[in-house]
PDB file of all heavy atoms in Angstrom:
ATOM      1  N   GLN A   1       1.119  12.441  -1.201  1.00  0.00           N
ATOM      2  CA  GLN A   1       2.158  12.344  -2.218  1.00  0.00           C
ATOM      3  C   GLN A   1       3.366  11.654  -1.592  1.00  0.00           C
ATOM      4  O   GLN A   1       3.692  11.859  -0.428  1.00  0.00           O
ATOM      5  CB  GLN A   1       2.510  13.754  -2.717  1.00  0.00           C
ATOM      6  CG  GLN A   1       3.186  13.782  -4.078  1.00  0.00           C
ATOM      7  CD  GLN A   1       4.693  13.616  -3.978  1.00  0.00           C
ATOM      8  OE1 GLN A   1       5.276  13.766  -2.920  1.00  0.00           O
ATOM      9  NE2 GLN A   1       5.313  13.298  -5.101  1.00  0.00           N
ATOM     10  N   ILE A   2       4.032  10.806  -2.369  1.00  0.00           N
ATOM     11  CA  ILE A   2       4.961   9.825  -1.832  1.00  0.00           C
ATOM     12  C   ILE A   2       6.046  10.422  -0.934  1.00  0.00           C
ATOM     13  O   ILE A   2       6.355   9.874   0.127  1.00  0.00           O
ATOM     14  CB  ILE A   2       5.578   8.986  -2.979  1.00  0.00           C
ATOM     15  CG1 ILE A   2       6.377   7.805  -2.437  1.00  0.00           C
ATOM     16  CG2 ILE A   2       6.431   9.842  -3.907  1.00  0.00           C
ATOM     17  CD1 ILE A   2       5.554   6.682  -1.918  1.00  0.00           C
ATOM     18  N   ILE A   3       6.653  11.553  -1.299  1.00  0.00           N
ATOM     19  CA  ILE A   3       7.729  12.088  -0.459  1.00  0.00           C
ATOM     20  C   ILE A   3       7.206  12.996   0.650  1.00  0.00           C
ATOM     21  O   ILE A   3       7.988  13.487   1.464  1.00  0.00           O
ATOM     22  CB  ILE A   3       8.798  12.829  -1.296  1.00  0.00           C
ATOM     23  CG1 ILE A   3       8.223  14.092  -1.943  1.00  0.00           C
ATOM     24  CG2 ILE A   3       9.431  11.898  -2.316  1.00  0.00           C
ATOM     25  CD1 ILE A   3       9.302  15.004  -2.496  1.00  0.00           C
ATOM     26  N   GLU A   4       5.898  13.192   0.690  1.00  0.00           N
ATOM     27  CA  GLU A   4       5.308  14.014   1.751  1.00  0.00           C
ATOM     28  C   GLU A   4       4.760  13.176   2.901  1.00  0.00           C
ATOM     29  O   GLU A   4       4.220  13.710   3.870  1.00  0.00           O
ATOM     30  CB  GLU A   4       4.197  14.894   1.169  1.00  0.00           C
ATOM     31  CG  GLU A   4       4.722  15.916   0.171  1.00  0.00           C
ATOM     32  CD  GLU A   4       3.619  16.687  -0.531  1.00  0.00           C
ATOM     33  OE1 GLU A   4       2.430  16.417  -0.233  1.00  0.00           O
ATOM     34  OE2 GLU A   4       3.950  17.545  -1.371  1.00  0.00           O
ATOM     35  N   ILE A   5       4.895  11.864   2.815  1.00  0.00           N
ATOM     36  CA  ILE A   5       4.411  10.995   3.886  1.00  0.00           C
ATOM     37  C   ILE A   5       5.442  10.990   5.007  1.00  0.00           C
ATOM     38  O   ILE A   5       6.618  10.699   4.796  1.00  0.00           O
ATOM     39  CB  ILE A   5       4.186   9.561   3.366  1.00  0.00           C
ATOM     40  CG1 ILE A   5       3.170   9.576   2.223  1.00  0.00           C
ATOM     41  CG2 ILE A   5       3.705   8.648   4.493  1.00  0.00           C
ATOM     42  CD1 ILE A   5       3.056   8.263   1.490  1.00  0.00           C
ATOM     43  N   SER A   6       4.994  11.320   6.198  1.00  0.00           N
ATOM     44  CA  SER A   6       5.896  11.408   7.343  1.00  0.00           C
ATOM     45  C   SER A   6       6.266  10.015   7.846  1.00  0.00           C
ATOM     46  O   SER A   6       5.608   9.014   7.534  1.00  0.00           O
ATOM     47  CB  SER A   6       5.228  12.180   8.481  1.00  0.00           C
ATOM     48  OG  SER A   6       4.107  11.445   8.975  1.00  0.00           O
ATOM     49  N   ASP A   7       7.320   9.954   8.652  1.00  0.00           N
ATOM     50  CA  ASP A   7       7.678   8.685   9.288  1.00  0.00           C
ATOM     51  C   ASP A   7       6.490   8.134  10.070  1.00  0.00           C
ATOM     52  O   ASP A   7       6.218   6.926  10.029  1.00  0.00           O
ATOM     53  CB  ASP A   7       8.854   8.878  10.245  1.00  0.00           C
ATOM     54  CG  ASP A   7      10.186   9.069   9.540  1.00  0.00           C
ATOM     55  OD1 ASP A   7      10.205   9.140   8.291  1.00  0.00           O
ATOM     56  OD2 ASP A   7      11.208   9.146  10.246  1.00  0.00           O
ATOM     57  N   GLU A   8       5.818   9.007  10.784  1.00  0.00           N
ATOM     58  CA  GLU A   8       4.672   8.565  11.593  1.00  0.00           C
ATOM     59  C   GLU A   8       3.601   7.923  10.724  1.00  0.00           C
ATOM     60  O   GLU A   8       3.032   6.871  11.073  1.00  0.00           O
ATOM     61  CB  GLU A   8       4.085   9.761  12.351  1.00  0.00           C
ATOM     62  CG  GLU A   8       2.899   9.406  13.229  1.00  0.00           C
ATOM     63  CD  GLU A   8       2.286  10.613  13.912  1.00  0.00           C
ATOM     64  OE1 GLU A   8       2.644  11.763  13.558  1.00  0.00           O
ATOM     65  OE2 GLU A   8       1.433  10.400  14.799  1.00  0.00           O
ATOM     66  N   ASP A   9       3.320   8.533   9.569  1.00  0.00           N
ATOM     67  CA  ASP A   9       2.287   7.978   8.706  1.00  0.00           C
ATOM     68  C   ASP A   9       2.735   6.687   8.017  1.00  0.00           C
ATOM     69  O   ASP A   9       1.913   5.792   7.765  1.00  0.00           O
ATOM     70  CB  ASP A   9       1.844   9.012   7.670  1.00  0.00           C
ATOM     71  CG  ASP A   9       0.832   9.986   8.251  1.00  0.00           C
ATOM     72  OD1 ASP A   9       0.322   9.738   9.364  1.00  0.00           O
ATOM     73  OD2 ASP A   9       0.536  11.003   7.582  1.00  0.00           O
ATOM     74  N   TRP A  10       4.031   6.556   7.713  1.00  0.00           N
ATOM     75  CA  TRP A  10       4.506   5.267   7.198  1.00  0.00           C
ATOM     76  C   TRP A  10       4.294   4.175   8.242  1.00  0.00           C
ATOM     77  O   TRP A  10       3.862   3.054   7.926  1.00  0.00           O
ATOM     78  CB  TRP A  10       5.980   5.339   6.808  1.00  0.00           C
ATOM     79  CG  TRP A  10       6.228   5.924   5.448  1.00  0.00           C
ATOM     80  CD1 TRP A  10       6.911   7.073   5.152  1.00  0.00           C
ATOM     81  CD2 TRP A  10       5.809   5.379   4.184  1.00  0.00           C
ATOM     82  NE1 TRP A  10       6.939   7.284   3.799  1.00  0.00           N
ATOM     83  CE2 TRP A  10       6.267   6.261   3.172  1.00  0.00           C
ATOM     84  CE3 TRP A  10       5.085   4.251   3.809  1.00  0.00           C
ATOM     85  CZ2 TRP A  10       6.035   6.046   1.824  1.00  0.00           C
ATOM     86  CZ3 TRP A  10       4.844   4.025   2.466  1.00  0.00           C
ATOM     87  CH2 TRP A  10       5.311   4.911   1.486  1.00  0.00           C
ATOM     88  N   HIS A  11       4.590   4.496   9.495  1.00  0.00           N
ATOM     89  CA  HIS A  11       4.374   3.512  10.558  1.00  0.00           C
ATOM     90  C   HIS A  11       2.888   3.177  10.694  1.00  0.00           C
ATOM     91  O   HIS A  11       2.529   2.007  10.913  1.00  0.00           O
ATOM     92  CB  HIS A  11       4.932   4.032  11.879  1.00  0.00           C
ATOM     93  CG  HIS A  11       6.430   3.967  11.972  1.00  0.00           C
ATOM     94  ND1 HIS A  11       7.122   2.774  11.979  1.00  0.00           N
ATOM     95  CD2 HIS A  11       7.364   4.946  12.052  1.00  0.00           C
ATOM     96  CE1 HIS A  11       8.414   3.019  12.064  1.00  0.00           C
ATOM     97  NE2 HIS A  11       8.595   4.329  12.099  1.00  0.00           N
ATOM     98  N   LYS A  12       2.026   4.179  10.552  1.00  0.00           N
ATOM     99  CA  LYS A  12       0.579   3.919  10.588  1.00  0.00           C
ATOM    100  C   LYS A  12       0.161   3.001   9.445  1.00  0.00           C
ATOM    101  O   LYS A  12      -0.697   2.122   9.612  1.00  0.00           O
ATOM    102  CB  LYS A  12      -0.196   5.242  10.509  1.00  0.00           C
ATOM    103  CG  LYS A  12      -0.157   6.074  11.775  1.00  0.00           C
ATOM    104  CD  LYS A  12      -0.936   7.372  11.591  1.00  0.00           C
ATOM    105  CE  LYS A  12      -0.879   8.232  12.846  1.00  0.00           C
ATOM    106  NZ  LYS A  12      -1.563   9.544  12.630  1.00  0.00           N
ATOM    107  N   GLY A  13       0.749   3.218   8.272  1.00  0.00           N
ATOM    108  CA  GLY A  13       0.432   2.362   7.134  1.00  0.00           C
ATOM    109  C   GLY A  13       0.841   0.917   7.380  1.00  0.00           C
ATOM    110  O   GLY A  13       0.087  -0.019   7.054  1.00  0.00           O
ATOM    111  N   ILE A  14       2.022   0.722   7.955  1.00  0.00           N
ATOM    112  CA  ILE A  14       2.479  -0.628   8.281  1.00  0.00           C
ATOM    113  C   ILE A  14       1.550  -1.270   9.309  1.00  0.00           C
ATOM    114  O   ILE A  14       1.183  -2.448   9.206  1.00  0.00           O
ATOM    115  CB  ILE A  14       3.923  -0.598   8.811  1.00  0.00           C
ATOM    116  CG1 ILE A  14       4.885  -0.089   7.731  1.00  0.00           C
ATOM    117  CG2 ILE A  14       4.343  -1.973   9.320  1.00  0.00           C
ATOM    118  CD1 ILE A  14       5.021  -1.003   6.532  1.00  0.00           C
ATOM    119  N   ASP A  15       1.137  -0.493  10.306  1.00  0.00           N
ATOM    120  CA  ASP A  15       0.191  -0.994  11.319  1.00  0.00           C
ATOM    121  C   ASP A  15      -1.131  -1.415  10.686  1.00  0.00           C
ATOM    122  O   ASP A  15      -1.713  -2.435  11.044  1.00  0.00           O
ATOM    123  CB  ASP A  15      -0.086   0.084  12.366  1.00  0.00           C
ATOM    124  CG  ASP A  15       0.874   0.043  13.544  1.00  0.00           C
ATOM    125  OD1 ASP A  15       1.493  -1.016  13.761  1.00  0.00           O
ATOM    126  OD2 ASP A  15       0.991   1.054  14.243  1.00  0.00           O
ATOM    127  N   THR A  16      -1.598  -0.601   9.738  1.00  0.00           N
ATOM    128  CA  THR A  16      -2.923  -0.811   9.153  1.00  0.00           C
ATOM    129  C   THR A  16      -2.936  -1.955   8.160  1.00  0.00           C
ATOM    130  O   THR A  16      -3.879  -2.774   8.158  1.00  0.00           O
ATOM    131  CB  THR A  16      -3.387   0.481   8.445  1.00  0.00           C
ATOM    132  OG1 THR A  16      -3.412   1.552   9.393  1.00  0.00           O
ATOM    133  CG2 THR A  16      -4.772   0.301   7.830  1.00  0.00           C
ATOM    134  N   TYR A  17      -1.908  -2.049   7.317  1.00  0.00           N
ATOM    135  CA  TYR A  17      -1.966  -2.941   6.158  1.00  0.00           C
ATOM    136  C   TYR A  17      -1.037  -4.158   6.241  1.00  0.00           C
ATOM    137  O   TYR A  17      -1.124  -5.041   5.392  1.00  0.00           O
ATOM    138  CB  TYR A  17      -1.605  -2.155   4.898  1.00  0.00           C
ATOM    139  CG  TYR A  17      -2.543  -1.030   4.571  1.00  0.00           C
ATOM    140  CD1 TYR A  17      -2.086   0.282   4.485  1.00  0.00           C
ATOM    141  CD2 TYR A  17      -3.889  -1.264   4.318  1.00  0.00           C
ATOM    142  CE1 TYR A  17      -2.935   1.316   4.152  1.00  0.00           C
ATOM    143  CE2 TYR A  17      -4.752  -0.232   3.991  1.00  0.00           C
ATOM    144  CZ  TYR A  17      -4.270   1.064   3.904  1.00  0.00           C
ATOM    145  OH  TYR A  17      -5.115   2.092   3.582  1.00  0.00           O
ATOM    146  N   PHE A  18      -0.167  -4.210   7.233  1.00  0.00           N
ATOM    147  CA  PHE A  18       0.744  -5.347   7.363  1.00  0.00           C
ATOM    148  C   PHE A  18       0.616  -6.011   8.735  1.00  0.00           C
ATOM    149  O   PHE A  18       0.260  -7.193   8.834  1.00  0.00           O
ATOM    150  CB  PHE A  18       2.181  -4.900   7.121  1.00  0.00           C
ATOM    151  CG  PHE A  18       3.205  -5.987   7.322  1.00  0.00           C
ATOM    152  CD1 PHE A  18       3.228  -7.103   6.506  1.00  0.00           C
ATOM    153  CD2 PHE A  18       4.146  -5.892   8.344  1.00  0.00           C
ATOM    154  CE1 PHE A  18       4.163  -8.115   6.700  1.00  0.00           C
ATOM    155  CE2 PHE A  18       5.084  -6.890   8.538  1.00  0.00           C
ATOM    156  CZ  PHE A  18       5.085  -8.007   7.717  1.00  0.00           C
ATOM    157  N   LEU A  19       0.841  -5.252   9.787  1.00  0.00           N
ATOM    158  CA  LEU A  19       0.766  -5.843  11.122  1.00  0.00           C
ATOM    159  C   LEU A  19      -0.654  -6.246  11.488  1.00  0.00           C
ATOM    160  O   LEU A  19      -0.847  -7.064  12.393  1.00  0.00           O
ATOM    161  CB  LEU A  19       1.339  -4.869  12.158  1.00  0.00           C
ATOM    162  CG  LEU A  19       2.854  -4.644  12.057  1.00  0.00           C
ATOM    163  CD1 LEU A  19       3.309  -3.592  13.060  1.00  0.00           C
ATOM    164  CD2 LEU A  19       3.618  -5.947  12.272  1.00  0.00           C
ATOM    165  N   ASN A  20      -1.660  -5.718  10.784  1.00  0.00           N
ATOM    166  CA  ASN A  20      -3.040  -6.163  11.007  1.00  0.00           C
ATOM    167  C   ASN A  20      -3.190  -7.657  10.761  1.00  0.00           C
ATOM    168  O   ASN A  20      -4.046  -8.323  11.352  1.00  0.00           O
ATOM    169  CB  ASN A  20      -4.003  -5.407  10.092  1.00  0.00           C
ATOM    170  CG  ASN A  20      -3.884  -5.845   8.650  1.00  0.00           C
ATOM    171  OD1 ASN A  20      -2.811  -5.731   8.039  1.00  0.00           O
ATOM    172  ND2 ASN A  20      -4.957  -6.351   8.083  1.00  0.00           N
ATOM    173  N   ALA A  21      -2.355  -8.203   9.873  1.00  0.00           N
ATOM    174  CA  ALA A  21      -2.373  -9.646   9.601  1.00  0.00           C
ATOM    175  C   ALA A  21      -1.386 -10.401  10.482  1.00  0.00           C
ATOM    176  O   ALA A  21      -1.647 -11.529  10.900  1.00  0.00           O
ATOM    177  CB  ALA A  21      -2.055  -9.900   8.133  1.00  0.00           C
ATOM    178  N   VAL A  22      -0.249  -9.792  10.776  1.00  0.00           N
ATOM    179  CA  VAL A  22       0.788 -10.461  11.557  1.00  0.00           C
ATOM    180  C   VAL A  22       0.311 -10.739  12.980  1.00  0.00           C
ATOM    181  O   VAL A  22       0.513 -11.843  13.515  1.00  0.00           O
ATOM    182  CB  VAL A  22       2.071  -9.604  11.584  1.00  0.00           C
ATOM    183  CG1 VAL A  22       3.108 -10.186  12.541  1.00  0.00           C
ATOM    184  CG2 VAL A  22       2.651  -9.476  10.180  1.00  0.00           C
ATOM    185  N   ARG A  23      -0.338  -9.756  13.602  1.00  0.00           N
ATOM    186  CA  ARG A  23      -0.725  -9.906  15.014  1.00  0.00           C
ATOM    187  C   ARG A  23      -1.677 -11.086  15.229  1.00  0.00           C
ATOM    188  O   ARG A  23      -1.398 -11.945  16.079  1.00  0.00           O
ATOM    189  CB  ARG A  23      -1.351  -8.607  15.525  1.00  0.00           C
ATOM    190  CG  ARG A  23      -0.383  -7.435  15.585  1.00  0.00           C
ATOM    191  CD  ARG A  23      -1.061  -6.223  16.223  1.00  0.00           C
ATOM    192  NE  ARG A  23      -0.218  -5.045  16.122  1.00  0.00           N
ATOM    193  CZ  ARG A  23      -0.363  -4.095  15.201  1.00  0.00           C
ATOM    194  NH1 ARG A  23      -1.334  -4.188  14.295  1.00  0.00           N
ATOM    195  NH2 ARG A  23       0.446  -3.056  15.173  1.00  0.00           N
ATOM    196  N   PRO A  24      -2.816 -11.153  14.531  1.00  0.00           N
ATOM    197  CA  PRO A  24      -3.704 -12.300  14.775  1.00  0.00           C
ATOM    198  C   PRO A  24      -3.127 -13.621  14.301  1.00  0.00           C
ATOM    199  O   PRO A  24      -3.441 -14.677  14.865  1.00  0.00           O
ATOM    200  CB  PRO A  24      -4.985 -11.938  14.014  1.00  0.00           C
ATOM    201  CG  PRO A  24      -4.569 -10.919  13.014  1.00  0.00           C
ATOM    202  CD  PRO A  24      -3.426 -10.175  13.622  1.00  0.00           C
ATOM    203  N   THR A  25      -2.267 -13.586  13.284  1.00  0.00           N
ATOM    204  CA  THR A  25      -1.629 -14.818  12.826  1.00  0.00           C
ATOM    205  C   THR A  25      -0.789 -15.433  13.934  1.00  0.00           C
ATOM    206  O   THR A  25      -0.766 -16.661  14.115  1.00  0.00           O
ATOM    207  CB  THR A  25      -0.776 -14.544  11.579  1.00  0.00           C
ATOM    208  OG1 THR A  25      -1.641 -14.160  10.503  1.00  0.00           O
ATOM    209  CG2 THR A  25       0.029 -15.761  11.158  1.00  0.00           C
ATOM    210  N   ARG A  26      -0.086 -14.606  14.699  1.00  0.00           N
ATOM    211  CA  ARG A  26       0.697 -15.121  15.832  1.00  0.00           C
ATOM    212  C   ARG A  26      -0.184 -15.845  16.839  1.00  0.00           C
ATOM    213  O   ARG A  26       0.240 -16.840  17.451  1.00  0.00           O
ATOM    214  CB  ARG A  26       1.423 -13.967  16.537  1.00  0.00           C
ATOM    215  CG  ARG A  26       2.683 -13.494  15.871  1.00  0.00           C
ATOM    216  CD  ARG A  26       3.524 -12.657  16.818  1.00  0.00           C
ATOM    217  NE  ARG A  26       2.830 -11.452  17.222  1.00  0.00           N
ATOM    218  CZ  ARG A  26       3.209 -10.211  16.859  1.00  0.00           C
ATOM    219  NH1 ARG A  26       4.259 -10.043  16.074  1.00  0.00           N
ATOM    220  NH2 ARG A  26       2.537  -9.164  17.274  1.00  0.00           N
ATOM    221  N   LEU A  27      -1.404 -15.364  17.012  1.00  0.00           N
ATOM    222  CA  LEU A  27      -2.303 -15.942  18.008  1.00  0.00           C
ATOM    223  C   LEU A  27      -2.951 -17.238  17.531  1.00  0.00           C
ATOM    224  O   LEU A  27      -3.115 -18.174  18.310  1.00  0.00           O
ATOM    225  CB  LEU A  27      -3.386 -14.928  18.380  1.00  0.00           C
ATOM    226  CG  LEU A  27      -2.910 -13.673  19.108  1.00  0.00           C
ATOM    227  CD1 LEU A  27      -4.046 -12.656  19.230  1.00  0.00           C
ATOM    228  CD2 LEU A  27      -2.378 -14.033  20.504  1.00  0.00           C
ATOM    229  N   VAL A  28      -3.335 -17.302  16.267  1.00  0.00           N
ATOM    230  CA  VAL A  28      -4.072 -18.480  15.805  1.00  0.00           C
ATOM    231  C   VAL A  28      -3.162 -19.626  15.358  1.00  0.00           C
ATOM    232  O   VAL A  28      -3.590 -20.785  15.363  1.00  0.00           O
ATOM    233  CB  VAL A  28      -5.058 -18.140  14.656  1.00  0.00           C
ATOM    234  CG1 VAL A  28      -6.013 -17.040  15.067  1.00  0.00           C
ATOM    235  CG2 VAL A  28      -4.333 -17.796  13.362  1.00  0.00           C
ATOM    236  N   THR A  29      -1.928 -19.326  14.987  1.00  0.00           N
ATOM    237  CA  THR A  29      -1.064 -20.378  14.451  1.00  0.00           C
ATOM    238  C   THR A  29      -0.841 -21.529  15.431  1.00  0.00           C
ATOM    239  O   THR A  29      -0.954 -22.702  15.028  1.00  0.00           O
ATOM    240  CB  THR A  29       0.273 -19.784  13.969  1.00  0.00           C
ATOM    241  OG1 THR A  29       0.011 -18.859  12.916  1.00  0.00           O
ATOM    242  CG2 THR A  29       1.201 -20.879  13.444  1.00  0.00           C
ATOM    243  N   PRO A  30      -0.545 -21.285  16.707  1.00  0.00           N
ATOM    244  CA  PRO A  30      -0.395 -22.425  17.625  1.00  0.00           C
ATOM    245  C   PRO A  30      -1.669 -23.263  17.742  1.00  0.00           C
ATOM    246  O   PRO A  30      -1.587 -24.497  17.872  1.00  0.00           O
ATOM    247  CB  PRO A  30      -0.032 -21.758  18.959  1.00  0.00           C
ATOM    248  CG  PRO A  30       0.550 -20.446  18.593  1.00  0.00           C
ATOM    249  CD  PRO A  30      -0.212 -20.003  17.376  1.00  0.00           C
ATOM    250  N   VAL A  31      -2.824 -22.621  17.692  1.00  0.00           N
ATOM    251  CA  VAL A  31      -4.091 -23.351  17.738  1.00  0.00           C
ATOM    252  C   VAL A  31      -4.214 -24.241  16.505  1.00  0.00           C
ATOM    253  O   VAL A  31      -4.577 -25.427  16.596  1.00  0.00           O
ATOM    254  CB  VAL A  31      -5.281 -22.370  17.821  1.00  0.00           C
ATOM    255  CG1 VAL A  31      -6.608 -23.115  17.802  1.00  0.00           C
ATOM    256  CG2 VAL A  31      -5.172 -21.488  19.054  1.00  0.00           C
ATOM    257  N   MET A  32      -3.925 -23.677  15.348  1.00  0.00           N
ATOM    258  CA  MET A  32      -4.020 -24.445  14.107  1.00  0.00           C
ATOM    259  C   MET A  32      -2.985 -25.563  14.062  1.00  0.00           C
ATOM    260  O   MET A  32      -3.253 -26.655  13.545  1.00  0.00           O
ATOM    261  CB  MET A  32      -3.881 -23.502  12.908  1.00  0.00           C
ATOM    262  CG  MET A  32      -5.050 -22.558  12.751  1.00  0.00           C
ATOM    263  SD  MET A  32      -4.830 -21.376  11.380  1.00  0.00           S
ATOM    264  CE  MET A  32      -6.446 -20.576  11.356  1.00  0.00           C
ATOM    265  N   GLN A  33      -1.805 -25.323  14.615  1.00  0.00           N
ATOM    266  CA  GLN A  33      -0.802 -26.387  14.685  1.00  0.00           C
ATOM    267  C   GLN A  33      -1.298 -27.563  15.516  1.00  0.00           C
ATOM    268  O   GLN A  33      -1.103 -28.725  15.148  1.00  0.00           O
ATOM    269  CB  GLN A  33       0.500 -25.850  15.292  1.00  0.00           C
ATOM    270  CG  GLN A  33       1.357 -25.054  14.347  1.00  0.00           C
ATOM    271  CD  GLN A  33       2.648 -24.612  15.000  1.00  0.00           C
ATOM    272  OE1 GLN A  33       2.632 -23.859  15.970  1.00  0.00           O
ATOM    273  NE2 GLN A  33       3.764 -25.088  14.481  1.00  0.00           N
ATOM    274  N   SER A  34      -1.951 -27.261  16.628  1.00  0.00           N
ATOM    275  CA  SER A  34      -2.454 -28.335  17.487  1.00  0.00           C
ATOM    276  C   SER A  34      -3.556 -29.126  16.797  1.00  0.00           C
ATOM    277  O   SER A  34      -3.727 -30.314  17.070  1.00  0.00           O
ATOM    278  CB  SER A  34      -2.961 -27.759  18.810  1.00  0.00           C
ATOM    279  OG  SER A  34      -4.167 -27.016  18.626  1.00  0.00           O
ATOM    280  N   GLN A  35      -4.283 -28.483  15.884  1.00  0.00           N
ATOM    281  CA  GLN A  35      -5.354 -29.145  15.122  1.00  0.00           C
ATOM    282  C   GLN A  35      -4.827 -29.874  13.890  1.00  0.00           C
ATOM    283  O   GLN A  35      -5.529 -30.660  13.281  1.00  0.00           O
ATOM    284  CB  GLN A  35      -6.370 -28.100  14.626  1.00  0.00           C
ATOM    285  CG  GLN A  35      -7.054 -27.316  15.699  1.00  0.00           C
ATOM    286  CD  GLN A  35      -7.767 -26.077  15.168  1.00  0.00           C
ATOM    287  OE1 GLN A  35      -8.406 -25.381  15.928  1.00  0.00           O
ATOM    288  NE2 GLN A  35      -7.670 -25.792  13.885  1.00  0.00           N
ATOM    289  N   LYS A  36      -3.601 -29.510  13.494  1.00  0.00           N
ATOM    290  CA  LYS A  36      -3.025 -29.955  12.221  1.00  0.00           C
ATOM    291  C   LYS A  36      -3.876 -29.501  11.034  1.00  0.00           C
ATOM    292  O   LYS A  36      -3.959 -30.176  10.012  1.00  0.00           O
ATOM    293  CB  LYS A  36      -2.861 -31.486  12.197  1.00  0.00           C
ATOM    294  CG  LYS A  36      -1.636 -31.977  12.949  1.00  0.00           C
ATOM    295  CD  LYS A  36      -0.369 -31.514  12.242  1.00  0.00           C
ATOM    296  CE  LYS A  36       0.882 -32.047  12.961  1.00  0.00           C
ATOM    297  NZ  LYS A  36       2.117 -31.593  12.280  1.00  0.00           N
ATOM    298  N   SER A  37      -4.474 -28.308  11.143  1.00  0.00           N
ATOM    299  CA  SER A  37      -5.229 -27.742  10.027  1.00  0.00           C
ATOM    300  C   SER A  37      -5.572 -26.295  10.332  1.00  0.00           C
ATOM    301  O   SER A  37      -5.730 -25.896  11.487  1.00  0.00           O
ATOM    302  CB  SER A  37      -6.538 -28.516   9.776  1.00  0.00           C
ATOM    303  OG  SER A  37      -7.421 -28.364  10.868  1.00  0.00           O
ATOM    304  N   GLY A  38      -5.689 -25.513   9.267  1.00  0.00           N
ATOM    305  CA  GLY A  38      -6.101 -24.122   9.415  1.00  0.00           C
ATOM    306  C   GLY A  38      -5.871 -23.353   8.132  1.00  0.00           C
ATOM    307  O   GLY A  38      -5.052 -23.735   7.295  1.00  0.00           O
ATOM    308  N   VAL A  39      -6.629 -22.284   7.984  1.00  0.00           N
ATOM    309  CA  VAL A  39      -6.547 -21.436   6.797  1.00  0.00           C
ATOM    310  C   VAL A  39      -6.520 -19.981   7.240  1.00  0.00           C
ATOM    311  O   VAL A  39      -7.359 -19.558   8.046  1.00  0.00           O
ATOM    312  CB  VAL A  39      -7.746 -21.658   5.847  1.00  0.00           C
ATOM    313  CG1 VAL A  39      -7.592 -20.801   4.598  1.00  0.00           C
ATOM    314  CG2 VAL A  39      -7.899 -23.128   5.489  1.00  0.00           C
ATOM    315  N   ILE A  40      -5.573 -19.215   6.694  1.00  0.00           N
ATOM    316  CA  ILE A  40      -5.508 -17.773   6.950  1.00  0.00           C
ATOM    317  C   ILE A  40      -5.592 -17.071   5.605  1.00  0.00           C
ATOM    318  O   ILE A  40      -4.862 -17.409   4.664  1.00  0.00           O
ATOM    319  CB  ILE A  40      -4.207 -17.397   7.691  1.00  0.00           C
ATOM    320  CG1 ILE A  40      -4.119 -18.146   9.022  1.00  0.00           C
ATOM    321  CG2 ILE A  40      -4.151 -15.882   7.917  1.00  0.00           C
ATOM    322  CD1 ILE A  40      -2.786 -17.994   9.726  1.00  0.00           C
ATOM    323  N   ILE A  41      -6.510 -16.102   5.521  1.00  0.00           N
ATOM    324  CA  ILE A  41      -6.753 -15.376   4.274  1.00  0.00           C
ATOM    325  C   ILE A  41      -6.640 -13.889   4.568  1.00  0.00           C
ATOM    326  O   ILE A  41      -7.355 -13.360   5.434  1.00  0.00           O
ATOM    327  CB  ILE A  41      -8.148 -15.701   3.700  1.00  0.00           C
ATOM    328  CG1 ILE A  41      -8.281 -17.216   3.458  1.00  0.00           C
ATOM    329  CG2 ILE A  41      -8.391 -14.916   2.417  1.00  0.00           C
ATOM    330  CD1 ILE A  41      -9.706 -17.694   3.376  1.00  0.00           C
ATOM    331  N   ASN A  42      -5.743 -13.219   3.876  1.00  0.00           N
ATOM    332  CA  ASN A  42      -5.534 -11.786   4.067  1.00  0.00           C
ATOM    333  C   ASN A  42      -6.162 -11.017   2.908  1.00  0.00           C
ATOM    334  O   ASN A  42      -5.885 -11.319   1.743  1.00  0.00           O
ATOM    335  CB  ASN A  42      -4.042 -11.471   4.121  1.00  0.00           C
ATOM    336  CG  ASN A  42      -3.319 -12.275   5.181  1.00  0.00           C
ATOM    337  OD1 ASN A  42      -3.773 -12.357   6.322  1.00  0.00           O
ATOM    338  ND2 ASN A  42      -2.200 -12.884   4.821  1.00  0.00           N
ATOM    339  N   ILE A  43      -7.001 -10.044   3.222  1.00  0.00           N
ATOM    340  CA  ILE A  43      -7.535  -9.165   2.185  1.00  0.00           C
ATOM    341  C   ILE A  43      -6.489  -8.089   1.919  1.00  0.00           C
ATOM    342  O   ILE A  43      -6.216  -7.242   2.765  1.00  0.00           O
ATOM    343  CB  ILE A  43      -8.885  -8.548   2.600  1.00  0.00           C
ATOM    344  CG1 ILE A  43      -9.911  -9.665   2.867  1.00  0.00           C
ATOM    345  CG2 ILE A  43      -9.388  -7.602   1.507  1.00  0.00           C
ATOM    346  CD1 ILE A  43     -11.263  -9.151   3.333  1.00  0.00           C
ATOM    347  N   SER A  44      -5.900  -8.131   0.745  1.00  0.00           N
ATOM    348  CA  SER A  44      -4.821  -7.232   0.360  1.00  0.00           C
ATOM    349  C   SER A  44      -5.364  -6.230  -0.662  1.00  0.00           C
ATOM    350  O   SER A  44      -6.435  -5.666  -0.483  1.00  0.00           O
ATOM    351  CB  SER A  44      -3.648  -8.058  -0.182  1.00  0.00           C
ATOM    352  OG  SER A  44      -2.579  -7.233  -0.572  1.00  0.00           O
ATOM    353  N   THR A  45      -4.643  -6.007  -1.744  1.00  0.00           N
ATOM    354  CA  THR A  45      -5.061  -5.056  -2.766  1.00  0.00           C
ATOM    355  C   THR A  45      -4.469  -5.449  -4.115  1.00  0.00           C
ATOM    356  O   THR A  45      -3.353  -5.988  -4.181  1.00  0.00           O
ATOM    357  CB  THR A  45      -4.617  -3.621  -2.431  1.00  0.00           C
ATOM    358  OG1 THR A  45      -4.995  -2.726  -3.495  1.00  0.00           O
ATOM    359  CG2 THR A  45      -3.099  -3.521  -2.252  1.00  0.00           C
TER     360      THR A  45
END
């Protein structure tokens, strides 16, 4: 329930559903820049 979610669990949610895309994007973007092409697709909801 929305007000029963702890700070720790909000951070877990951000790790699971947001930073899961940010982390690998940081790694592949320089590679794709050097190629002048690339596609990133995030499975959201």
